[in-house]
Amino acid sequence: MNQGIDKYVAQAIVEIAVFLEFSGDDVINQDSAMNAFEQLASTLQKSDLKTKLCLREDFLSISKGYAGEQMIFVENLADALGLGGG
């Protein structure tokens, strides 16, 4: 992990994103999950470039703790959230 973002903040973002993406209809309404994910993305997109780059790096590191589809999702989370760094 880098020194730009507290590792627990990055981990919390990953955990909520994984929950929203992989929880079934019996846990959360999928439209509500999508709305929450879009709101998370919108807020994070307002971050400065350094924060976006740090989150991108952290998400890649955190993804190693997941397997299968969840690992791939976390590896690509920065792009899904629109944190292209610019």
N, C-alpha and C. Protein backbone atom coordinates (compact mmCIF):
# COMPACT_ATOMS: atom_id res chain seq x y z
N MET A 1 0.84 -1.18 0.00
CA MET A 1 0.00 0.00 0.00
C MET A 1 0.88 1.25 0.00
N ASN A 2 0.36 2.28 -0.57
CA ASN A 2 1.11 3.53 -0.63
C ASN A 2 0.83 4.36 0.61
N GLN A 3 1.48 5.50 0.69
CA GLN A 3 1.33 6.37 1.86
C GLN A 3 0.26 7.44 1.66
N GLY A 4 -0.44 7.45 0.52
CA GLY A 4 -1.39 8.51 0.22
C GLY A 4 -2.76 8.34 0.84
N ILE A 5 -3.21 7.11 0.98
CA ILE A 5 -4.56 6.83 1.49
C ILE A 5 -4.43 5.84 2.64
N ASP A 6 -5.15 6.08 3.71
CA ASP A 6 -5.17 5.11 4.80
C ASP A 6 -5.65 3.78 4.25
N LYS A 7 -4.93 2.71 4.55
CA LYS A 7 -5.26 1.40 3.99
C LYS A 7 -6.66 0.94 4.36
N TYR A 8 -7.15 1.38 5.50
CA TYR A 8 -8.48 0.97 5.92
C TYR A 8 -9.58 1.70 5.15
N VAL A 9 -9.31 2.90 4.70
CA VAL A 9 -10.26 3.63 3.86
C VAL A 9 -10.39 2.92 2.51
N ALA A 10 -9.25 2.58 1.91
CA ALA A 10 -9.27 1.86 0.63
C ALA A 10 -9.95 0.51 0.79
N GLN A 11 -9.66 -0.20 1.87
CA GLN A 11 -10.27 -1.50 2.11
C GLN A 11 -11.78 -1.37 2.29
N ALA A 12 -12.22 -0.33 2.98
CA ALA A 12 -13.66 -0.11 3.17
C ALA A 12 -14.36 0.15 1.84
N ILE A 13 -13.73 0.91 0.96
CA ILE A 13 -14.31 1.16 -0.36
C ILE A 13 -14.45 -0.14 -1.12
N VAL A 14 -13.41 -0.96 -1.09
CA VAL A 14 -13.44 -2.25 -1.77
C VAL A 14 -14.55 -3.12 -1.20
N GLU A 15 -14.64 -3.21 0.11
CA GLU A 15 -15.64 -4.07 0.74
C GLU A 15 -17.06 -3.67 0.37
N ILE A 16 -17.35 -2.38 0.38
CA ILE A 16 -18.70 -1.95 0.02
C ILE A 16 -18.97 -2.19 -1.45
N ALA A 17 -17.96 -1.96 -2.30
CA ALA A 17 -18.14 -2.20 -3.73
C ALA A 17 -18.38 -3.68 -4.02
N VAL A 18 -17.64 -4.55 -3.37
CA VAL A 18 -17.83 -6.00 -3.55
C VAL A 18 -19.22 -6.40 -3.06
N PHE A 19 -19.62 -5.87 -1.92
CA PHE A 19 -20.96 -6.17 -1.40
C PHE A 19 -22.04 -5.76 -2.41
N LEU A 20 -21.93 -4.54 -2.93
CA LEU A 20 -22.93 -4.04 -3.86
C LEU A 20 -22.96 -4.86 -5.15
N GLU A 21 -21.79 -5.27 -5.61
CA GLU A 21 -21.71 -6.01 -6.88
C GLU A 21 -22.13 -7.46 -6.77
N PHE A 22 -21.81 -8.11 -5.66
CA PHE A 22 -21.98 -9.56 -5.59
C PHE A 22 -23.14 -10.03 -4.70
N SER A 23 -23.82 -9.12 -4.04
CA SER A 23 -24.96 -9.52 -3.23
C SER A 23 -26.16 -9.78 -4.14
N GLY A 24 -26.91 -10.81 -3.82
CA GLY A 24 -28.08 -11.17 -4.61
C GLY A 24 -29.29 -10.33 -4.27
N ASP A 25 -30.34 -10.54 -5.04
CA ASP A 25 -31.60 -9.81 -4.83
C ASP A 25 -32.19 -10.06 -3.46
N ASP A 26 -31.87 -11.20 -2.86
CA ASP A 26 -32.39 -11.51 -1.53
C ASP A 26 -31.71 -10.68 -0.44
N VAL A 27 -30.59 -10.02 -0.79
CA VAL A 27 -29.85 -9.20 0.18
C VAL A 27 -30.08 -7.72 -0.07
N ILE A 28 -30.01 -7.31 -1.34
CA ILE A 28 -30.17 -5.90 -1.68
C ILE A 28 -30.82 -5.79 -3.06
N ASN A 29 -31.73 -4.87 -3.19
CA ASN A 29 -32.36 -4.59 -4.48
C ASN A 29 -31.28 -4.14 -5.45
N GLN A 30 -31.23 -4.75 -6.63
CA GLN A 30 -30.14 -4.48 -7.58
C GLN A 30 -30.16 -3.04 -8.09
N ASP A 31 -31.33 -2.43 -8.24
CA ASP A 31 -31.39 -1.03 -8.63
C ASP A 31 -30.80 -0.14 -7.53
N SER A 32 -31.10 -0.47 -6.30
CA SER A 32 -30.53 0.29 -5.17
C SER A 32 -29.02 0.11 -5.10
N ALA A 33 -28.56 -1.12 -5.35
CA ALA A 33 -27.11 -1.37 -5.35
C ALA A 33 -26.42 -0.55 -6.43
N MET A 34 -27.01 -0.52 -7.61
CA MET A 34 -26.43 0.26 -8.71
C MET A 34 -26.42 1.75 -8.38
N ASN A 35 -27.50 2.24 -7.81
CA ASN A 35 -27.55 3.66 -7.42
C ASN A 35 -26.47 3.99 -6.40
N ALA A 36 -26.30 3.11 -5.42
CA ALA A 36 -25.28 3.34 -4.40
C ALA A 36 -23.88 3.31 -5.01
N PHE A 37 -23.63 2.37 -5.92
CA PHE A 37 -22.32 2.28 -6.58
C PHE A 37 -22.06 3.54 -7.41
N GLU A 38 -23.07 4.00 -8.13
CA GLU A 38 -22.92 5.22 -8.93
C GLU A 38 -22.67 6.44 -8.06
N GLN A 39 -23.31 6.50 -6.89
CA GLN A 39 -23.07 7.62 -5.98
C GLN A 39 -21.66 7.56 -5.42
N LEU A 40 -21.20 6.36 -5.06
CA LEU A 40 -19.82 6.18 -4.60
C LEU A 40 -18.85 6.65 -5.67
N ALA A 41 -19.08 6.24 -6.91
CA ALA A 41 -18.22 6.64 -8.02
C ALA A 41 -18.21 8.15 -8.20
N SER A 42 -19.39 8.74 -8.18
CA SER A 42 -19.51 10.19 -8.37
C SER A 42 -18.72 10.96 -7.32
N THR A 43 -18.82 10.53 -6.09
CA THR A 43 -18.10 11.20 -5.00
C THR A 43 -16.59 11.02 -5.16
N LEU A 44 -16.15 9.79 -5.43
CA LEU A 44 -14.71 9.54 -5.56
C LEU A 44 -14.10 10.23 -6.77
N GLN A 45 -14.88 10.42 -7.82
CA GLN A 45 -14.38 11.12 -9.01
C GLN A 45 -14.01 12.57 -8.73
N LYS A 46 -14.51 13.11 -7.66
CA LYS A 46 -14.19 14.49 -7.26
C LYS A 46 -12.83 14.59 -6.57
N SER A 47 -12.22 13.46 -6.28
CA SER A 47 -10.92 13.44 -5.61
C SER A 47 -9.84 14.03 -6.51
N ASP A 48 -8.76 14.48 -5.89
CA ASP A 48 -7.64 14.99 -6.68
C ASP A 48 -6.89 13.84 -7.33
N LEU A 49 -6.03 14.17 -8.27
CA LEU A 49 -5.30 13.17 -9.05
C LEU A 49 -4.49 12.23 -8.17
N LYS A 50 -3.83 12.77 -7.16
CA LYS A 50 -3.00 11.94 -6.27
C LYS A 50 -3.86 10.89 -5.57
N THR A 51 -5.02 11.29 -5.09
CA THR A 51 -5.92 10.36 -4.40
C THR A 51 -6.39 9.27 -5.35
N LYS A 52 -6.77 9.64 -6.56
CA LYS A 52 -7.22 8.66 -7.54
C LYS A 52 -6.12 7.64 -7.84
N LEU A 53 -4.91 8.13 -8.03
CA LEU A 53 -3.79 7.23 -8.32
C LEU A 53 -3.48 6.33 -7.14
N CYS A 54 -3.56 6.86 -5.94
CA CYS A 54 -3.32 6.06 -4.73
C CYS A 54 -4.39 4.97 -4.59
N LEU A 55 -5.64 5.34 -4.81
CA LEU A 55 -6.72 4.35 -4.73
C LEU A 55 -6.52 3.26 -5.77
N ARG A 56 -6.15 3.65 -6.97
CA ARG A 56 -5.91 2.67 -8.04
C ARG A 56 -4.85 1.66 -7.59
N GLU A 57 -3.76 2.16 -7.04
CA GLU A 57 -2.68 1.30 -6.55
C GLU A 57 -3.15 0.41 -5.40
N ASP A 58 -3.88 1.01 -4.48
CA ASP A 58 -4.37 0.25 -3.33
C ASP A 58 -5.34 -0.86 -3.75
N PHE A 59 -6.24 -0.55 -4.68
CA PHE A 59 -7.19 -1.56 -5.12
C PHE A 59 -6.47 -2.76 -5.73
N LEU A 60 -5.42 -2.51 -6.49
CA LEU A 60 -4.66 -3.62 -7.08
C LEU A 60 -4.02 -4.47 -5.99
N SER A 61 -3.50 -3.83 -4.97
CA SER A 61 -2.89 -4.56 -3.86
C SER A 61 -3.95 -5.36 -3.10
N ILE A 62 -5.06 -4.75 -2.82
CA ILE A 62 -6.15 -5.39 -2.07
C ILE A 62 -6.73 -6.57 -2.85
N SER A 63 -6.74 -6.48 -4.17
CA SER A 63 -7.33 -7.54 -5.00
C SER A 63 -6.67 -8.89 -4.77
N LYS A 64 -5.43 -8.89 -4.33
CA LYS A 64 -4.69 -10.13 -4.10
C LYS A 64 -5.33 -10.96 -2.98
N GLY A 65 -6.13 -10.32 -2.14
CA GLY A 65 -6.81 -11.02 -1.06
C GLY A 65 -8.13 -11.66 -1.48
N TYR A 66 -8.48 -11.50 -2.74
CA TYR A 66 -9.72 -12.06 -3.26
C TYR A 66 -9.39 -13.14 -4.28
N ALA A 67 -10.39 -13.90 -4.69
CA ALA A 67 -10.20 -14.95 -5.69
C ALA A 67 -11.28 -14.85 -6.74
N GLY A 68 -11.01 -15.43 -7.89
CA GLY A 68 -12.00 -15.56 -8.95
C GLY A 68 -12.57 -14.23 -9.41
N GLU A 69 -13.89 -14.22 -9.60
CA GLU A 69 -14.58 -13.04 -10.11
C GLU A 69 -14.38 -11.82 -9.22
N GLN A 70 -14.35 -12.04 -7.91
CA GLN A 70 -14.17 -10.91 -7.00
C GLN A 70 -12.78 -10.30 -7.16
N MET A 71 -11.76 -11.13 -7.36
CA MET A 71 -10.41 -10.60 -7.58
C MET A 71 -10.37 -9.74 -8.84
N ILE A 72 -10.96 -10.23 -9.92
CA ILE A 72 -10.99 -9.49 -11.17
C ILE A 72 -11.76 -8.18 -10.99
N PHE A 73 -12.88 -8.25 -10.29
CA PHE A 73 -13.68 -7.05 -10.03
C PHE A 73 -12.85 -6.00 -9.29
N VAL A 74 -12.15 -6.40 -8.25
CA VAL A 74 -11.36 -5.46 -7.45
C VAL A 74 -10.17 -4.92 -8.26
N GLU A 75 -9.56 -5.78 -9.06
CA GLU A 75 -8.45 -5.33 -9.94
C GLU A 75 -8.93 -4.20 -10.87
N ASN A 76 -10.17 -4.26 -11.30
CA ASN A 76 -10.72 -3.29 -12.24
C ASN A 76 -11.60 -2.21 -11.58
N LEU A 77 -11.60 -2.20 -10.26
CA LEU A 77 -12.50 -1.31 -9.53
C LEU A 77 -12.24 0.17 -9.83
N ALA A 78 -10.99 0.57 -9.91
CA ALA A 78 -10.71 1.98 -10.18
C ALA A 78 -11.33 2.42 -11.50
N ASP A 79 -11.24 1.57 -12.51
CA ASP A 79 -11.86 1.92 -13.80
C ASP A 79 -13.38 1.94 -13.69
N ALA A 80 -13.94 0.96 -12.98
CA ALA A 80 -15.40 0.91 -12.82
C ALA A 80 -15.92 2.14 -12.09
N LEU A 81 -15.10 2.69 -11.19
CA LEU A 81 -15.49 3.88 -10.44
C LEU A 81 -15.15 5.17 -11.19
N GLY A 82 -14.53 5.04 -12.35
CA GLY A 82 -14.18 6.22 -13.14
C GLY A 82 -12.98 6.96 -12.60
N LEU A 83 -12.07 6.25 -11.94
CA LEU A 83 -10.88 6.88 -11.36
C LEU A 83 -9.69 6.71 -12.32
N GLY A 84 -9.86 7.19 -13.52
CA GLY A 84 -8.82 7.05 -14.52
C GLY A 84 -7.57 7.82 -14.20
N GLY A 85 -7.59 8.62 -13.17
CA GLY A 85 -6.41 9.37 -12.80
C GLY A 85 -6.38 10.76 -13.39
N GLY A 86 -7.37 11.07 -14.20
CA GLY A 86 -7.35 12.39 -14.84
C GLY A 86 -8.50 13.24 -14.47
